[in-house]
Amino acid sequence: MSLLPVADALKTIIDAISPTKNEVVPLSQANGRILAHDIAAVFDQPPFDGSAMDGYALNATDGQLGAKLEVVGISAAGEAFDGTLTTGQCTRIYTGAPMPKGANAVIMQEKITRDGDTITLEDDVAAGQNVRDKGNDFALGDVLVGMDTKLSPFHLALAAAANHPTLQVRKAPKMTLVATGDELVPPGATLQKDQIIASNGFGLTPLFTHFGADVKDGGIIKDDRETLKNELKRLLDEKPDILVTTGGASVGDRDYVKEVLEELGVDLSFWKIAVRPGKPLMFGTKGKTTIFGLPGNPVSALVTGTVFVVPAIKAKLGQSPQHMVVQLPLTTDMSSNGPRQHYRRAKLVTKPDATLGVDPNMQSDSAHLTSLSQSDSFVVQPPLCKGKAEGELVDVLIMPWAVS
């Protein structure tokens, strides 16, 4: 059976995804959530012409160097001057305070001398000087933050200033993550003969959580066919948005995941991808649940989780499923590639000329976690790509923690 190209596999996945529903949350719980509707301005900000400086408000027709003006009041934030300025008058004004009627400029307090209720200007003043116009920040009806934006602290500050105490966001996709394998034991266990520590979930869970999934640990299932079938049935009956298994996806005598999923009514769209590492990857659906069967080798699991599962999470949340891929020059030579698209472990580096490059790791063992832990990106090497020389541009998939 021929291997499915990566691009075709991703299209199949995205075509099968429908976005989650929405929910309303308070601003205090909205950081990192995906906005489900535009945030619009319901008033002008500032709602009046205001001062951008501590100083004196005046009409610019009186604003000549050496002019003397009478101070007739004070305009402070929350306590505006009530009257109207006439020729030769000014008011003391503070940052953020409303401009008095009749005034159209502010001179900084450092550029006057004051004697009692009279000030002398030490500079010329132009109309609009040091004035924040009404609606300068945003105006009624402006779209402040667009839907499908991942909300940051800066977005939330703007939403608060626009008087939006709650926001409508996408519900986090409910995801269940389960490992399979007789040899697996949790971290902290005393290793017996032929056992290894189950590490996949400790990388996949924060990876999927970072992109907005609500991940439940489904534990470790032994390589017993009936046990596996019963446990996977139980997990599917809970109807998560996404179910991810790791291990048991290949063709070994005890790799039961594929046939068990099919027996449980999962419609498998593909199995085996032209990707390296991670060829034995499954994708299917049952009702509202999207199912991924990832390889058990830890690097393969984390690479395929990044390349295939993360776009599904983003699509569930209404976001573009595209990865952050840029072109960067190699800082060393890179060997050729075989018939599968290779996500080669790599690290971003700052070159001596202060520009960014990428250093590919030549380690290709799908269980070699040390090399993965030293990586913050993947060089995306197409099938049958010839070797690349230092300085040549390559596609680089950048992980989010590399730029945070």
Protein backbone atom coordinates (compact mmCIF):
# COMPACT_ATOMS: atom_id res chain seq x y z
CA MET A 1 0.00 0.00 0.00
CA SER A 2 1.44 3.41 -0.99
CA LEU A 3 2.03 5.95 1.75
CA LEU A 4 -0.25 9.01 1.90
CA PRO A 5 1.60 12.33 1.37
CA VAL A 6 1.63 14.70 4.32
CA ALA A 7 -0.33 17.43 2.49
CA ASP A 8 -3.09 14.96 1.55
CA ALA A 9 -3.28 13.65 5.12
CA LEU A 10 -3.60 17.18 6.52
CA LYS A 11 -6.35 18.03 4.01
CA THR A 12 -8.25 14.88 5.00
CA ILE A 13 -7.97 15.81 8.68
CA ILE A 14 -9.04 19.44 8.27
CA ASP A 15 -11.94 18.53 5.98
CA ALA A 16 -13.29 16.26 8.73
CA ILE A 17 -13.15 18.92 11.47
CA SER A 18 -16.06 21.07 12.61
CA PRO A 19 -15.49 23.93 15.07
CA THR A 20 -16.54 23.64 18.70
CA LYS A 21 -19.46 25.64 20.09
CA ASN A 22 -19.07 28.93 21.92
CA GLU A 23 -19.27 29.94 25.56
CA VAL A 24 -19.21 33.22 27.45
CA VAL A 25 -16.45 33.75 30.00
CA PRO A 26 -15.44 36.69 32.21
CA LEU A 27 -12.39 38.68 31.15
CA SER A 28 -10.43 37.18 34.04
CA GLN A 29 -10.74 33.74 32.42
CA ALA A 30 -10.26 34.73 28.79
CA ASN A 31 -6.47 34.87 28.48
CA GLY A 32 -5.28 32.47 25.78
CA ARG A 33 -8.82 31.64 24.66
CA ILE A 34 -9.99 31.93 21.06
CA LEU A 35 -12.40 34.79 20.42
CA ALA A 36 -15.65 33.61 18.82
CA HIS A 37 -16.90 37.03 17.68
CA ASP A 38 -15.52 40.47 16.96
CA ILE A 39 -15.05 42.83 19.89
CA ALA A 40 -16.60 46.12 18.77
CA ALA A 41 -16.39 49.57 20.33
CA VAL A 42 -19.68 50.71 21.84
CA PHE A 43 -18.46 54.25 22.52
CA ASP A 44 -15.64 56.63 21.61
CA GLN A 45 -12.38 56.42 23.57
CA PRO A 46 -11.55 58.89 24.87
CA PRO A 47 -15.18 60.05 25.03
CA PHE A 48 -14.05 63.70 24.91
CA ASP A 49 -11.11 65.77 23.74
CA GLY A 50 -8.59 65.44 26.55
CA SER A 51 -5.15 66.56 27.60
CA ALA A 52 -2.11 64.39 26.88
CA MET A 53 0.04 66.39 29.30
CA ASP A 54 0.04 68.16 32.63
CA GLY A 55 -0.02 71.84 31.71
CA TYR A 56 -2.40 74.62 30.76
CA ALA A 57 -5.33 74.53 28.34
CA LEU A 58 -5.80 77.53 26.09
CA ASN A 59 -6.93 78.62 22.65
CA ALA A 60 -4.05 78.57 20.17
CA THR A 61 -4.96 82.10 18.99
CA ASP A 62 -3.56 83.23 22.37
CA GLY A 63 -0.55 80.93 22.10
CA GLN A 64 2.36 83.20 21.19
CA LEU A 65 5.73 83.22 22.91
CA GLY A 66 5.62 85.80 25.72
CA ALA A 67 1.81 86.01 25.92
CA LYS A 68 0.32 86.41 29.40
CA LEU A 69 -2.88 84.50 30.24
CA GLU A 70 -5.20 84.49 33.23
CA VAL A 71 -5.70 81.13 34.97
CA VAL A 72 -9.46 80.88 35.60
CA GLY A 73 -9.84 77.32 36.88
CA ILE A 74 -8.72 73.69 36.87
CA SER A 75 -9.68 70.71 34.72
CA ALA A 76 -8.81 67.37 36.30
CA ALA A 77 -9.60 63.76 35.42
CA GLY A 78 -13.11 63.12 36.69
CA GLU A 79 -13.68 66.81 37.46
CA ALA A 80 -13.89 68.92 34.28
CA PHE A 81 -13.81 72.73 34.18
CA ASP A 82 -17.39 73.92 33.88
CA GLY A 83 -17.05 77.22 32.08
CA THR A 84 -15.99 78.48 28.66
CA LEU A 85 -12.61 80.13 28.03
CA THR A 86 -12.53 83.52 26.40
CA THR A 87 -9.64 85.47 24.91
CA GLY A 88 -6.70 85.74 27.29
CA GLN A 89 -7.84 82.93 29.56
CA CYS A 90 -6.52 79.44 30.33
CA THR A 91 -7.03 76.66 32.88
CA ARG A 92 -4.67 74.41 34.76
CA ILE A 93 -5.17 70.94 33.26
CA TYR A 94 -3.94 67.44 34.08
CA THR A 95 -3.25 64.42 31.90
CA GLY A 96 -6.48 62.72 30.86
CA ALA A 97 -8.72 65.62 31.87
CA PRO A 98 -11.37 66.96 29.47
CA MET A 99 -10.49 70.04 27.45
CA PRO A 100 -12.47 73.10 28.55
CA LYS A 101 -14.86 74.71 26.08
CA GLY A 102 -13.00 77.34 24.09
CA ALA A 103 -9.61 75.58 24.42
CA ASN A 104 -7.91 73.67 21.59
CA ALA A 105 -4.33 73.23 22.81
CA VAL A 106 -2.26 72.46 25.90
CA ILE A 107 1.13 73.90 26.75
CA MET A 108 3.35 71.77 28.97
CA GLN A 109 3.81 73.05 32.51
CA GLU A 110 7.59 73.13 31.90
CA LYS A 111 7.11 75.78 29.20
CA ILE A 112 5.42 78.50 31.26
CA THR A 113 6.22 80.66 34.24
CA ARG A 114 3.46 81.36 36.71
CA ASP A 115 2.94 84.32 38.97
CA GLY A 116 -0.23 83.98 41.02
CA ASP A 117 -3.11 83.54 38.56
CA THR A 118 -1.09 84.65 35.55
CA ILE A 119 1.12 82.52 33.30
CA THR A 120 3.65 83.65 30.72
CA LEU A 121 4.20 81.39 27.69
CA GLU A 122 7.81 80.41 26.98
CA ASP A 123 6.99 78.89 23.59
CA ASP A 124 4.52 79.21 20.74
CA VAL A 125 1.46 76.95 20.83
CA ALA A 126 -0.29 75.36 17.83
CA ALA A 127 -3.90 74.19 17.61
CA GLY A 128 -4.22 70.53 18.66
CA GLN A 129 -0.91 70.54 20.53
CA ASN A 130 -0.87 67.92 23.33
CA VAL A 131 -4.58 67.18 22.83
CA ARG A 132 -6.00 63.65 22.54
CA ASP A 133 -8.95 63.97 20.20
CA LYS A 134 -12.26 62.30 21.01
CA GLY A 135 -12.12 58.77 19.60
CA ASN A 136 -8.32 58.91 19.24
CA ASP A 137 -7.92 55.38 20.67
CA PHE A 138 -11.07 53.89 19.17
CA ALA A 139 -14.37 55.15 17.82
CA LEU A 140 -17.92 53.85 18.12
CA GLY A 141 -18.34 50.81 15.85
CA ASP A 142 -14.62 50.08 15.39
CA VAL A 143 -13.65 46.38 15.41
CA LEU A 144 -11.11 46.24 18.22
CA VAL A 145 -10.21 42.54 18.11
CA GLY A 146 -11.28 40.19 15.33
CA MET A 147 -12.91 36.82 15.84
CA ASP A 148 -10.63 33.74 15.92
CA THR A 149 -7.89 35.77 17.62
CA LYS A 150 -6.01 34.06 20.43
CA LEU A 151 -6.54 36.52 23.26
CA SER A 152 -3.46 38.04 24.88
CA PRO A 153 -3.14 40.27 27.98
CA PHE A 154 -3.02 43.28 25.64
CA HIS A 155 -6.29 42.25 23.98
CA LEU A 156 -7.93 41.84 27.38
CA ALA A 157 -6.80 45.29 28.51
CA LEU A 158 -8.40 46.76 25.38
CA ALA A 159 -11.60 44.77 25.92
CA ALA A 160 -11.80 46.05 29.49
CA ALA A 161 -11.24 49.65 28.37
CA ALA A 162 -14.07 49.14 25.86
CA ASN A 163 -16.36 48.04 28.72
CA HIS A 164 -16.72 44.37 27.74
CA PRO A 165 -16.80 42.47 31.07
CA THR A 166 -17.34 39.12 29.35
CA LEU A 167 -16.29 37.66 26.01
CA GLN A 168 -17.67 34.94 23.79
CA VAL A 169 -14.94 32.37 23.10
CA ARG A 170 -14.64 28.93 21.52
CA LYS A 171 -15.10 26.03 23.89
CA ALA A 172 -11.86 24.15 24.41
CA PRO A 173 -11.97 20.82 22.54
CA LYS A 174 -12.30 17.92 24.97
CA MET A 175 -9.42 15.56 24.31
CA THR A 176 -8.57 12.17 25.80
CA LEU A 177 -4.99 10.92 25.57
CA VAL A 178 -4.22 7.25 26.21
CA ALA A 179 -1.04 5.18 25.96
CA THR A 180 -0.86 1.48 25.08
CA GLY A 181 1.86 -1.03 25.89
CA ASP A 182 2.71 -3.79 28.38
CA GLU A 183 6.15 -2.28 28.89
CA LEU A 184 4.95 1.14 30.06
CA VAL A 185 5.00 2.35 33.66
CA PRO A 186 4.50 5.90 34.96
CA PRO A 187 7.37 8.17 36.06
CA GLY A 188 8.43 7.41 39.62
CA ALA A 189 7.90 3.67 39.28
CA THR A 190 10.65 1.19 40.09
CA LEU A 191 11.62 -0.22 36.71
CA GLN A 192 11.40 -3.96 36.37
CA LYS A 193 12.96 -6.04 33.61
CA ASP A 194 11.69 -5.08 30.12
CA GLN A 195 9.86 -1.96 31.36
CA ILE A 196 10.24 1.65 30.21
CA ILE A 197 8.82 4.91 31.51
CA ALA A 198 5.71 6.24 29.73
CA SER A 199 6.87 9.69 28.63
CA ASN A 200 4.64 10.53 25.65
CA GLY A 201 1.78 12.02 27.63
CA PHE A 202 4.09 14.40 29.47
CA GLY A 203 5.06 15.97 26.16
CA LEU A 204 1.79 15.66 24.27
CA THR A 205 -0.45 17.01 27.03
CA PRO A 206 1.26 20.42 27.37
CA LEU A 207 1.67 20.57 23.57
CA PHE A 208 -2.05 20.12 23.00
CA THR A 209 -2.97 22.31 25.98
CA HIS A 210 -0.84 25.14 24.62
CA PHE A 211 -2.97 25.19 21.48
CA GLY A 212 -6.24 25.24 23.42
CA ALA A 213 -7.29 21.65 24.09
CA ASP A 214 -8.70 20.44 27.41
CA VAL A 215 -6.72 17.21 27.81
CA LYS A 216 -7.79 14.26 29.97
CA ASP A 217 -5.31 11.52 30.86
CA GLY A 218 -6.80 8.19 29.81
CA GLY A 219 -3.97 6.23 31.44
CA ILE A 220 -2.05 3.22 30.13
CA ILE A 221 -3.79 0.24 28.51
CA LYS A 222 -2.05 -3.13 28.38
CA ASP A 223 -1.47 -4.95 25.08
CA ASP A 224 -4.36 -7.32 25.64
CA ARG A 225 -6.88 -7.28 22.83
CA GLU A 226 -10.04 -7.55 24.92
CA THR A 227 -8.79 -5.09 27.53
CA LEU A 228 -7.87 -2.63 24.79
CA LYS A 229 -11.28 -3.02 23.14
CA ASN A 230 -13.17 -2.53 26.40
CA GLU A 231 -11.14 0.52 27.42
CA LEU A 232 -11.31 2.21 24.02
CA LYS A 233 -15.06 1.56 23.88
CA ARG A 234 -15.45 3.18 27.29
CA LEU A 235 -13.42 6.20 26.20
CA LEU A 236 -15.31 6.54 22.90
CA ASP A 237 -18.62 6.30 24.76
CA GLU A 238 -17.61 9.46 26.63
CA LYS A 239 -17.69 11.20 23.22
CA PRO A 240 -14.63 13.44 23.49
CA ASP A 241 -13.99 15.84 20.64
CA ILE A 242 -10.61 14.18 20.03
CA LEU A 243 -9.24 10.81 21.13
CA VAL A 244 -5.49 10.25 20.78
CA THR A 245 -3.82 6.88 21.31
CA THR A 246 -0.08 6.29 21.35
CA GLY A 247 1.49 2.93 20.55
CA GLY A 248 0.11 -0.22 18.96
CA ALA A 249 -0.27 1.49 15.60
CA SER A 250 2.22 -0.54 13.59
CA VAL A 251 2.06 -4.09 12.20
CA GLY A 252 3.41 -6.17 15.09
CA ASP A 253 1.59 -9.22 16.40
CA ARG A 254 0.44 -7.23 19.43
CA ASP A 255 -0.38 -3.98 17.65
CA TYR A 256 -4.16 -4.20 18.02
CA VAL A 257 -5.20 -0.54 17.91
CA LYS A 258 -6.18 -0.36 14.23
CA GLU A 259 -8.34 -3.48 14.15
CA VAL A 260 -9.95 -2.69 17.52
CA LEU A 261 -10.87 0.83 16.43
CA GLU A 262 -12.45 -0.55 13.26
CA GLU A 263 -14.40 -3.12 15.28
CA LEU A 264 -15.68 -0.28 17.46
CA GLY A 265 -17.12 1.48 14.41
CA VAL A 266 -14.36 4.00 13.78
CA ASP A 267 -14.21 5.04 10.11
CA LEU A 268 -10.46 5.11 9.44
CA SER A 269 -9.56 7.54 6.66
CA PHE A 270 -5.91 6.56 6.47
CA TRP A 271 -3.14 4.53 8.08
CA LYS A 272 0.54 5.05 7.28
CA ILE A 273 1.82 8.43 6.16
CA ALA A 274 4.84 9.39 4.08
CA VAL A 275 6.32 11.17 7.07
CA ARG A 276 9.54 10.70 8.99
CA PRO A 277 9.48 9.99 11.87
CA GLY A 278 6.00 8.58 12.43
CA LYS A 279 4.91 6.54 9.42
CA PRO A 280 2.36 4.31 11.28
CA LEU A 281 -0.21 7.03 11.99
CA MET A 282 -3.99 6.52 11.91
CA PHE A 283 -6.81 9.00 11.51
CA GLY A 284 -10.53 8.37 11.68
CA THR A 285 -13.87 9.51 13.04
CA LYS A 286 -16.78 8.11 14.98
CA GLY A 287 -19.75 10.41 15.38
CA LYS A 288 -18.47 13.72 16.77
CA THR A 289 -15.16 12.23 17.85
CA THR A 290 -11.97 12.63 15.84
CA ILE A 291 -9.47 9.81 16.44
CA PHE A 292 -5.70 9.82 16.02
CA GLY A 293 -3.56 6.73 16.49
CA LEU A 294 0.02 7.95 16.98
CA PRO A 295 3.15 5.80 16.99
CA GLY A 296 4.54 4.75 20.36
CA ASN A 297 8.14 5.86 19.87
CA PRO A 298 8.36 9.17 21.75
CA VAL A 299 9.91 11.32 19.02
CA SER A 300 7.48 9.91 16.46
CA ALA A 301 4.55 10.61 18.80
CA LEU A 302 5.62 14.19 19.45
CA VAL A 303 6.41 14.95 15.82
CA THR A 304 3.13 13.54 14.52
CA GLY A 305 1.26 15.18 17.38
CA THR A 306 2.74 18.50 16.27
CA VAL A 307 2.31 18.02 12.53
CA PHE A 308 -1.15 16.40 12.46
CA VAL A 309 -3.01 16.77 15.78
CA VAL A 310 -2.20 20.44 16.47
CA PRO A 311 -3.79 21.59 13.16
CA ALA A 312 -6.93 19.64 14.11
CA ILE A 313 -7.10 21.43 17.47
CA LYS A 314 -6.66 24.80 15.79
CA ALA A 315 -9.37 23.98 13.24
CA LYS A 316 -11.69 22.92 16.08
CA LEU A 317 -11.17 26.38 17.55
CA GLY A 318 -11.92 28.12 14.26
CA GLN A 319 -8.29 29.12 13.68
CA SER A 320 -6.14 28.65 10.62
CA PRO A 321 -4.58 25.18 10.89
CA GLN A 322 -1.37 26.33 9.24
CA HIS A 323 1.92 25.88 11.07
CA MET A 324 4.40 28.71 11.58
CA VAL A 325 6.82 27.92 8.74
CA VAL A 326 9.54 30.32 7.61
CA GLN A 327 12.58 30.04 5.37
CA LEU A 328 15.95 30.27 7.09
CA PRO A 329 19.55 29.58 6.02
CA LEU A 330 21.29 26.43 7.25
CA THR A 331 24.23 26.95 9.58
CA THR A 332 25.73 23.61 8.54
CA ASP A 333 25.40 21.09 5.73
CA MET A 334 22.34 18.80 5.78
CA SER A 335 22.20 15.27 4.38
CA SER A 336 19.76 14.07 1.73
CA ASN A 337 16.32 12.64 2.43
CA GLY A 338 14.45 9.47 1.43
CA PRO A 339 10.90 9.08 0.07
CA ARG A 340 9.13 10.39 3.19
CA GLN A 341 8.81 14.05 4.24
CA HIS A 342 11.28 14.46 7.08
CA TYR A 343 10.65 16.72 10.06
CA ARG A 344 14.28 16.97 11.04
CA ARG A 345 15.03 18.11 14.59
CA ALA A 346 16.66 21.55 14.60
CA LYS A 347 17.55 24.58 16.67
CA LEU A 348 17.27 28.26 15.80
CA VAL A 349 20.59 30.09 16.14
CA THR A 350 21.68 33.71 15.94
CA LYS A 351 24.53 33.98 13.45
CA PRO A 352 27.56 36.27 13.91
CA ASP A 353 25.90 38.88 11.67
CA ALA A 354 22.90 38.91 14.10
CA THR A 355 20.56 37.26 11.58
CA LEU A 356 18.65 34.07 12.30
CA GLY A 357 19.66 30.65 11.00
CA VAL A 358 18.79 27.04 11.71
CA ASP A 359 21.04 24.23 12.86
CA PRO A 360 19.69 20.79 11.82
CA ASN A 361 20.30 17.79 14.05
CA MET A 362 21.46 14.72 12.15
CA GLN A 363 20.00 12.34 14.76
CA SER A 364 17.08 10.41 13.20
CA ASP A 365 16.33 7.73 15.85
CA SER A 366 12.58 7.93 16.55
CA ALA A 367 13.13 7.20 20.26
CA HIS A 368 15.99 9.69 20.83
CA LEU A 369 14.38 12.24 23.14
CA THR A 370 17.60 14.03 24.07
CA SER A 371 17.99 15.41 20.55
CA LEU A 372 14.32 16.45 20.52
CA SER A 373 14.68 18.25 23.85
CA GLN A 374 17.52 20.29 22.33
CA SER A 375 15.29 21.37 19.44
CA ASP A 376 12.88 24.27 19.10
CA SER A 377 11.99 23.73 15.45
CA PHE A 378 11.90 21.23 12.60
CA VAL A 379 13.50 21.56 9.20
CA VAL A 380 10.79 20.37 6.80
CA GLN A 381 12.70 18.33 4.23
CA PRO A 382 10.59 17.22 1.22
CA PRO A 383 10.67 13.63 -0.05
CA LEU A 384 13.78 12.74 -2.08
CA CYS A 385 15.36 16.09 -1.25
CA LYS A 386 19.03 16.17 -2.10
CA GLY A 387 21.52 17.31 0.52
CA LYS A 388 21.65 21.02 1.30
CA ALA A 389 24.76 23.09 1.87
CA GLU A 390 25.42 25.58 4.66
CA GLY A 391 23.74 28.89 3.83
CA GLU A 392 20.98 27.43 1.66
CA LEU A 393 17.39 28.33 2.58
CA VAL A 394 15.12 25.64 4.00
CA ASP A 395 11.56 25.54 5.35
CA VAL A 396 11.51 25.63 9.15
CA LEU A 397 8.50 24.82 11.34
CA ILE A 398 8.97 26.91 14.48
CA MET A 399 7.59 25.71 17.80
CA PRO A 400 5.76 28.38 19.83
CA TRP A 401 8.14 28.27 22.79
CA ALA A 402 11.00 29.26 20.45
CA VAL A 403 9.52 32.74 20.09
CA SER A 404 7.98 33.27 23.52
